[in-house]
């Protein structure tokens, strides 16, 4: 399933800061940020429900994150 989140991540440097934590949380899943999108979208392809976990992870790193439905 593809999950799409609106985030407050704005730069490649911020993505780099999150990379290890996201990879640790989602070792078998594919994910990417679209920083060109006005919503600074994070897309995750996962077979598991990762909504609460990824929201908590980004908030822990001081970023906002909400699922776009």
PDB file of N, CA and C in Angstrom:
ATOM      1  N   UNK A   1       0.843  -1.169   0.000  1.00  0.00           N
ATOM      2  CA  UNK A   1       0.000   0.000   0.000  1.00  0.00           C
ATOM      3  C   UNK A   1       0.895   1.241   0.000  1.00  0.00           C
ATOM      4  N   UNK A   2       0.450   2.275  -0.700  1.00  0.00           N
ATOM      5  CA  UNK A   2       1.191   3.535  -0.729  1.00  0.00           C
ATOM      6  C   UNK A   2       0.563   4.490   0.283  1.00  0.00           C
ATOM      7  N   UNK A   3       1.383   4.978   1.191  1.00  0.00           N
ATOM      8  CA  UNK A   3       0.955   5.974   2.167  1.00  0.00           C
ATOM      9  C   UNK A   3       1.548   7.314   1.753  1.00  0.00           C
ATOM     10  N   UNK A   4       0.760   8.377   1.883  1.00  0.00           N
ATOM     11  CA  UNK A   4       1.208   9.715   1.496  1.00  0.00           C
ATOM     12  C   UNK A   4       0.987  10.650   2.679  1.00  0.00           C
ATOM     13  N   UNK A   5       2.045  11.387   3.036  1.00  0.00           N
ATOM     14  CA  UNK A   5       1.999  12.275   4.183  1.00  0.00           C
ATOM     15  C   UNK A   5       2.419  13.688   3.792  1.00  0.00           C
ATOM     16  N   UNK A   6       1.729  14.666   4.324  1.00  0.00           N
ATOM     17  CA  UNK A   6       2.139  16.063   4.250  1.00  0.00           C
ATOM     18  C   UNK A   6       3.092  16.283   5.413  1.00  0.00           C
ATOM     19  N   UNK A   7       4.267  16.878   5.139  1.00  0.00           N
ATOM     20  CA  UNK A   7       5.259  17.076   6.194  1.00  0.00           C
ATOM     21  C   UNK A   7       5.775  18.514   6.199  1.00  0.00           C
ATOM     22  N   UNK A   8       6.560  18.816   7.213  1.00  0.00           N
ATOM     23  CA  UNK A   8       7.225  20.113   7.284  1.00  0.00           C
ATOM     24  C   UNK A   8       8.712  19.997   6.932  1.00  0.00           C
ATOM     25  N   UNK A   9       9.120  18.860   6.388  1.00  0.00           N
ATOM     26  CA  UNK A   9      10.499  18.659   5.945  1.00  0.00           C
ATOM     27  C   UNK A   9      10.708  19.490   4.681  1.00  0.00           C
ATOM     28  N   UNK A  10      11.732  20.352   4.686  1.00  0.00           N
ATOM     29  CA  UNK A  10      11.885  21.293   3.577  1.00  0.00           C
ATOM     30  C   UNK A  10      13.165  21.139   2.772  1.00  0.00           C
ATOM     31  N   UNK A  11      14.183  20.514   3.340  1.00  0.00           N
ATOM     32  CA  UNK A  11      15.477  20.493   2.658  1.00  0.00           C
ATOM     33  C   UNK A  11      16.042  19.070   2.563  1.00  0.00           C
ATOM     34  N   UNK A  12      16.974  18.891   1.620  1.00  0.00           N
ATOM     35  CA  UNK A  12      17.651  17.598   1.491  1.00  0.00           C
ATOM     36  C   UNK A  12      18.452  17.281   2.746  1.00  0.00           C
ATOM     37  N   UNK A  13      18.958  18.303   3.394  1.00  0.00           N
ATOM     38  CA  UNK A  13      19.702  18.111   4.634  1.00  0.00           C
ATOM     39  C   UNK A  13      18.800  17.515   5.719  1.00  0.00           C
ATOM     40  N   UNK A  14      17.577  17.990   5.787  1.00  0.00           N
ATOM     41  CA  UNK A  14      16.627  17.448   6.769  1.00  0.00           C
ATOM     42  C   UNK A  14      16.272  16.004   6.423  1.00  0.00           C
ATOM     43  N   UNK A  15      16.130  15.699   5.145  1.00  0.00           N
ATOM     44  CA  UNK A  15      15.876  14.312   4.732  1.00  0.00           C
ATOM     45  C   UNK A  15      17.044  13.435   5.162  1.00  0.00           C
ATOM     46  N   UNK A  16      18.251  13.924   4.980  1.00  0.00           N
ATOM     47  CA  UNK A  16      19.439  13.159   5.383  1.00  0.00           C
ATOM     48  C   UNK A  16      19.440  12.887   6.884  1.00  0.00           C
ATOM     49  N   UNK A  17      18.983  13.864   7.662  1.00  0.00           N
ATOM     50  CA  UNK A  17      18.907  13.682   9.116  1.00  0.00           C
ATOM     51  C   UNK A  17      17.922  12.574   9.484  1.00  0.00           C
ATOM     52  N   UNK A  18      16.871  12.410   8.690  1.00  0.00           N
ATOM     53  CA  UNK A  18      15.832  11.422   8.979  1.00  0.00           C
ATOM     54  C   UNK A  18      16.119  10.049   8.377  1.00  0.00           C
ATOM     55  N   UNK A  19      17.004   9.992   7.398  1.00  0.00           N
ATOM     56  CA  UNK A  19      17.212   8.767   6.612  1.00  0.00           C
ATOM     57  C   UNK A  19      17.463   7.538   7.481  1.00  0.00           C
ATOM     58  N   UNK A  20      18.391   7.603   8.395  1.00  0.00           N
ATOM     59  CA  UNK A  20      18.727   6.432   9.206  1.00  0.00           C
ATOM     60  C   UNK A  20      17.539   5.985  10.060  1.00  0.00           C
ATOM     61  N   UNK A  21      16.846   6.929  10.680  1.00  0.00           N
ATOM     62  CA  UNK A  21      15.708   6.583  11.542  1.00  0.00           C
ATOM     63  C   UNK A  21      14.578   5.936  10.727  1.00  0.00           C
ATOM     64  N   UNK A  22      14.305   6.492   9.545  1.00  0.00           N
ATOM     65  CA  UNK A  22      13.244   5.919   8.707  1.00  0.00           C
ATOM     66  C   UNK A  22      13.655   4.536   8.213  1.00  0.00           C
ATOM     67  N   UNK A  23      14.902   4.400   7.773  1.00  0.00           N
ATOM     68  CA  UNK A  23      15.371   3.088   7.312  1.00  0.00           C
ATOM     69  C   UNK A  23      15.337   2.050   8.429  1.00  0.00           C
ATOM     70  N   UNK A  24      15.637   2.462   9.662  1.00  0.00           N
ATOM     71  CA  UNK A  24      15.572   1.529  10.796  1.00  0.00           C
ATOM     72  C   UNK A  24      14.141   1.115  11.079  1.00  0.00           C
ATOM     73  N   UNK A  25      13.208   2.052  10.946  1.00  0.00           N
ATOM     74  CA  UNK A  25      11.802   1.749  11.200  1.00  0.00           C
ATOM     75  C   UNK A  25      11.178   0.924  10.069  1.00  0.00           C
ATOM     76  N   UNK A  26      11.627   1.192   8.855  1.00  0.00           N
ATOM     77  CA  UNK A  26      11.030   0.566   7.662  1.00  0.00           C
ATOM     78  C   UNK A  26      12.114  -0.120   6.827  1.00  0.00           C
ATOM     79  N   UNK A  27      12.785  -1.137   7.371  1.00  0.00           N
ATOM     80  CA  UNK A  27      13.939  -1.712   6.673  1.00  0.00           C
ATOM     81  C   UNK A  27      13.612  -2.363   5.332  1.00  0.00           C
ATOM     82  N   UNK A  28      12.395  -2.813   5.142  1.00  0.00           N
ATOM     83  CA  UNK A  28      12.033  -3.519   3.904  1.00  0.00           C
ATOM     84  C   UNK A  28      11.111  -2.710   3.008  1.00  0.00           C
ATOM     85  N   UNK A  29      10.892  -1.449   3.346  1.00  0.00           N
ATOM     86  CA  UNK A  29       9.940  -0.625   2.605  1.00  0.00           C
ATOM     87  C   UNK A  29      10.663   0.445   1.788  1.00  0.00           C
ATOM     88  N   UNK A  30       9.973   0.902   0.747  1.00  0.00           N
ATOM     89  CA  UNK A  30      10.511   1.986  -0.073  1.00  0.00           C
ATOM     90  C   UNK A  30       9.846   3.291   0.339  1.00  0.00           C
ATOM     91  N   UNK A  31      10.620   4.371   0.373  1.00  0.00           N
ATOM     92  CA  UNK A  31      10.074   5.674   0.749  1.00  0.00           C
ATOM     93  C   UNK A  31      10.864   6.773   0.056  1.00  0.00           C
ATOM     94  N   UNK A  32      10.214   7.928  -0.112  1.00  0.00           N
ATOM     95  CA  UNK A  32      10.896   9.090  -0.657  1.00  0.00           C
ATOM     96  C   UNK A  32      10.138  10.358  -0.296  1.00  0.00           C
ATOM     97  N   UNK A  33      10.871  11.466  -0.282  1.00  0.00           N
ATOM     98  CA  UNK A  33      10.277  12.782  -0.082  1.00  0.00           C
ATOM     99  C   UNK A  33      10.199  13.485  -1.425  1.00  0.00           C
ATOM    100  N   UNK A  34       9.128  14.219  -1.650  1.00  0.00           N
ATOM    101  CA  UNK A  34       8.999  15.106  -2.807  1.00  0.00           C
ATOM    102  C   UNK A  34       9.022  16.528  -2.266  1.00  0.00           C
ATOM    103  N   UNK A  35      10.208  17.110  -2.220  1.00  0.00           N
ATOM    104  CA  UNK A  35      10.371  18.448  -1.653  1.00  0.00           C
ATOM    105  C   UNK A  35       9.903  19.538  -2.607  1.00  0.00           C
ATOM    106  N   UNK A  36       9.664  19.185  -3.865  1.00  0.00           N
ATOM    107  CA  UNK A  36       9.145  20.148  -4.843  1.00  0.00           C
ATOM    108  C   UNK A  36       7.643  20.361  -4.660  1.00  0.00           C
ATOM    109  N   UNK A  37       6.965  19.388  -4.092  1.00  0.00           N
ATOM    110  CA  UNK A  37       5.522  19.477  -3.853  1.00  0.00           C
ATOM    111  C   UNK A  37       5.251  20.484  -2.745  1.00  0.00           C
ATOM    112  N   UNK A  38       4.168  21.225  -2.859  1.00  0.00           N
ATOM    113  CA  UNK A  38       3.846  22.243  -1.843  1.00  0.00           C
ATOM    114  C   UNK A  38       3.604  21.631  -0.469  1.00  0.00           C
ATOM    115  N   UNK A  39       3.244  20.352  -0.414  1.00  0.00           N
ATOM    116  CA  UNK A  39       3.002  19.671   0.858  1.00  0.00           C
ATOM    117  C   UNK A  39       4.230  18.918   1.375  1.00  0.00           C
ATOM    118  N   UNK A  40       5.355  19.053   0.670  1.00  0.00           N
ATOM    119  CA  UNK A  40       6.599  18.370   1.081  1.00  0.00           C
ATOM    120  C   UNK A  40       6.300  16.906   1.398  1.00  0.00           C
ATOM    121  N   UNK A  41       5.782  16.223   0.412  1.00  0.00           N
ATOM    122  CA  UNK A  41       5.193  14.894   0.555  1.00  0.00           C
ATOM    123  C   UNK A  41       6.233  13.818   0.857  1.00  0.00           C
ATOM    124  N   UNK A  42       5.871  12.961   1.802  1.00  0.00           N
ATOM    125  CA  UNK A  42       6.594  11.724   2.081  1.00  0.00           C
ATOM    126  C   UNK A  42       5.710  10.585   1.600  1.00  0.00           C
ATOM    127  N   UNK A  43       6.235   9.777   0.670  1.00  0.00           N
ATOM    128  CA  UNK A  43       5.507   8.600   0.180  1.00  0.00           C
ATOM    129  C   UNK A  43       6.210   7.350   0.684  1.00  0.00           C
ATOM    130  N   UNK A  44       5.405   6.415   1.176  1.00  0.00           N
ATOM    131  CA  UNK A  44       5.956   5.163   1.695  1.00  0.00           C
ATOM    132  C   UNK A  44       5.180   4.008   1.096  1.00  0.00           C
ATOM    133  N   UNK A  45       5.901   3.051   0.536  1.00  0.00           N
ATOM    134  CA  UNK A  45       5.301   1.826   0.006  1.00  0.00           C
ATOM    135  C   UNK A  45       5.555   0.735   1.038  1.00  0.00           C
ATOM    136  N   UNK A  46       4.502   0.331   1.742  1.00  0.00           N
ATOM    137  CA  UNK A  46       4.644  -0.638   2.830  1.00  0.00           C
ATOM    138  C   UNK A  46       3.451  -1.578   2.868  1.00  0.00           C
ATOM    139  N   UNK A  47       3.697  -2.798   3.275  1.00  0.00           N
ATOM    140  CA  UNK A  47       2.624  -3.774   3.460  1.00  0.00           C
ATOM    141  C   UNK A  47       2.018  -3.696   4.857  1.00  0.00           C
ATOM    142  N   UNK A  48       2.617  -2.889   5.723  1.00  0.00           N
ATOM    143  CA  UNK A  48       2.140  -2.749   7.093  1.00  0.00           C
ATOM    144  C   UNK A  48       1.523  -1.373   7.288  1.00  0.00           C
ATOM    145  N   UNK A  49       0.697  -1.240   8.328  1.00  0.00           N
ATOM    146  CA  UNK A  49       0.132   0.067   8.667  1.00  0.00           C
ATOM    147  C   UNK A  49       1.178   0.840   9.461  1.00  0.00           C
ATOM    148  N   UNK A  50       1.766   1.836   8.836  1.00  0.00           N
ATOM    149  CA  UNK A  50       2.880   2.569   9.440  1.00  0.00           C
ATOM    150  C   UNK A  50       2.497   3.997   9.829  1.00  0.00           C
ATOM    151  N   UNK A  51       1.218   4.332   9.739  1.00  0.00           N
ATOM    152  CA  UNK A  51       0.775   5.718   9.917  1.00  0.00           C
ATOM    153  C   UNK A  51       1.181   6.272  11.280  1.00  0.00           C
ATOM    154  N   UNK A  52       0.789   5.628  12.359  1.00  0.00           N
ATOM    155  CA  UNK A  52       1.085   6.136  13.703  1.00  0.00           C
ATOM    156  C   UNK A  52       2.589   6.170  13.955  1.00  0.00           C
ATOM    157  N   UNK A  53       3.288   5.141  13.521  1.00  0.00           N
ATOM    158  CA  UNK A  53       4.724   5.063  13.755  1.00  0.00           C
ATOM    159  C   UNK A  53       5.500   6.151  13.036  1.00  0.00           C
ATOM    160  N   UNK A  54       5.179   6.404  11.774  1.00  0.00           N
ATOM    161  CA  UNK A  54       5.928   7.420  11.027  1.00  0.00           C
ATOM    162  C   UNK A  54       5.583   8.816  11.525  1.00  0.00           C
ATOM    163  N   UNK A  55       4.334   9.024  11.913  1.00  0.00           N
ATOM    164  CA  UNK A  55       3.942  10.320  12.487  1.00  0.00           C
ATOM    165  C   UNK A  55       4.735  10.583  13.773  1.00  0.00           C
ATOM    166  N   UNK A  56       4.815   9.589  14.623  1.00  0.00           N
ATOM    167  CA  UNK A  56       5.573   9.728  15.879  1.00  0.00           C
ATOM    168  C   UNK A  56       7.052   9.955  15.619  1.00  0.00           C
ATOM    169  N   UNK A  57       7.602   9.240  14.655  1.00  0.00           N
ATOM    170  CA  UNK A  57       9.016   9.380  14.328  1.00  0.00           C
ATOM    171  C   UNK A  57       9.341  10.799  13.868  1.00  0.00           C
ATOM    172  N   UNK A  58       8.537  11.341  12.962  1.00  0.00           N
ATOM    173  CA  UNK A  58       8.799  12.695  12.476  1.00  0.00           C
ATOM    174  C   UNK A  58       8.592  13.722  13.581  1.00  0.00           C
ATOM    175  N   UNK A  59       7.581  13.533  14.418  1.00  0.00           N
ATOM    176  CA  UNK A  59       7.357  14.470  15.526  1.00  0.00           C
ATOM    177  C   UNK A  59       8.514  14.422  16.517  1.00  0.00           C
ATOM    178  N   UNK A  60       9.070  13.253  16.737  1.00  0.00           N
ATOM    179  CA  UNK A  60      10.230  13.101  17.611  1.00  0.00           C
ATOM    180  C   UNK A  60      11.409  13.939  17.093  1.00  0.00           C
ATOM    181  N   UNK A  61      11.494  14.081  15.775  1.00  0.00           N
ATOM    182  CA  UNK A  61      12.552  14.871  15.143  1.00  0.00           C
ATOM    183  C   UNK A  61      12.102  16.304  14.846  1.00  0.00           C
ATOM    184  N   UNK A  62      10.986  16.711  15.459  1.00  0.00           N
ATOM    185  CA  UNK A  62      10.475  18.087  15.392  1.00  0.00           C
ATOM    186  C   UNK A  62       9.938  18.487  14.018  1.00  0.00           C
ATOM    187  N   UNK A  63       9.332  17.525  13.316  1.00  0.00           N
ATOM    188  CA  UNK A  63       8.669  17.808  12.049  1.00  0.00           C
ATOM    189  C   UNK A  63       7.192  17.458  12.176  1.00  0.00           C
ATOM    190  N   UNK A  64       6.356  18.210  11.482  1.00  0.00           N
ATOM    191  CA  UNK A  64       4.937  17.856  11.446  1.00  0.00           C
ATOM    192  C   UNK A  64       4.731  16.799  10.359  1.00  0.00           C
ATOM    193  N   UNK A  65       3.678  16.012  10.537  1.00  0.00           N
ATOM    194  CA  UNK A  65       3.398  14.926   9.598  1.00  0.00           C
ATOM    195  C   UNK A  65       1.937  14.538   9.729  1.00  0.00           C
ATOM    196  N   UNK A  66       1.199  14.613   8.610  1.00  0.00           N
ATOM    197  CA  UNK A  66      -0.188  14.147   8.631  1.00  0.00           C
ATOM    198  C   UNK A  66      -0.480  13.384   7.357  1.00  0.00           C
ATOM    199  N   UNK A  67      -1.219  12.304   7.495  1.00  0.00           N
ATOM    200  CA  UNK A  67      -1.546  11.478   6.347  1.00  0.00           C
ATOM    201  C   UNK A  67      -2.514  12.213   5.432  1.00  0.00           C
ATOM    202  N   UNK A  68      -2.240  12.149   4.143  1.00  0.00           N
ATOM    203  CA  UNK A  68      -3.159  12.685   3.141  1.00  0.00           C
ATOM    204  C   UNK A  68      -3.984  11.524   2.614  1.00  0.00           C
ATOM    205  N   UNK A  69      -5.293  11.694   2.642  1.00  0.00           N
ATOM    206  CA  UNK A  69      -6.191  10.609   2.221  1.00  0.00           C
ATOM    207  C   UNK A  69      -6.886  10.978   0.934  1.00  0.00           C
TER     208      UNK A  69
END
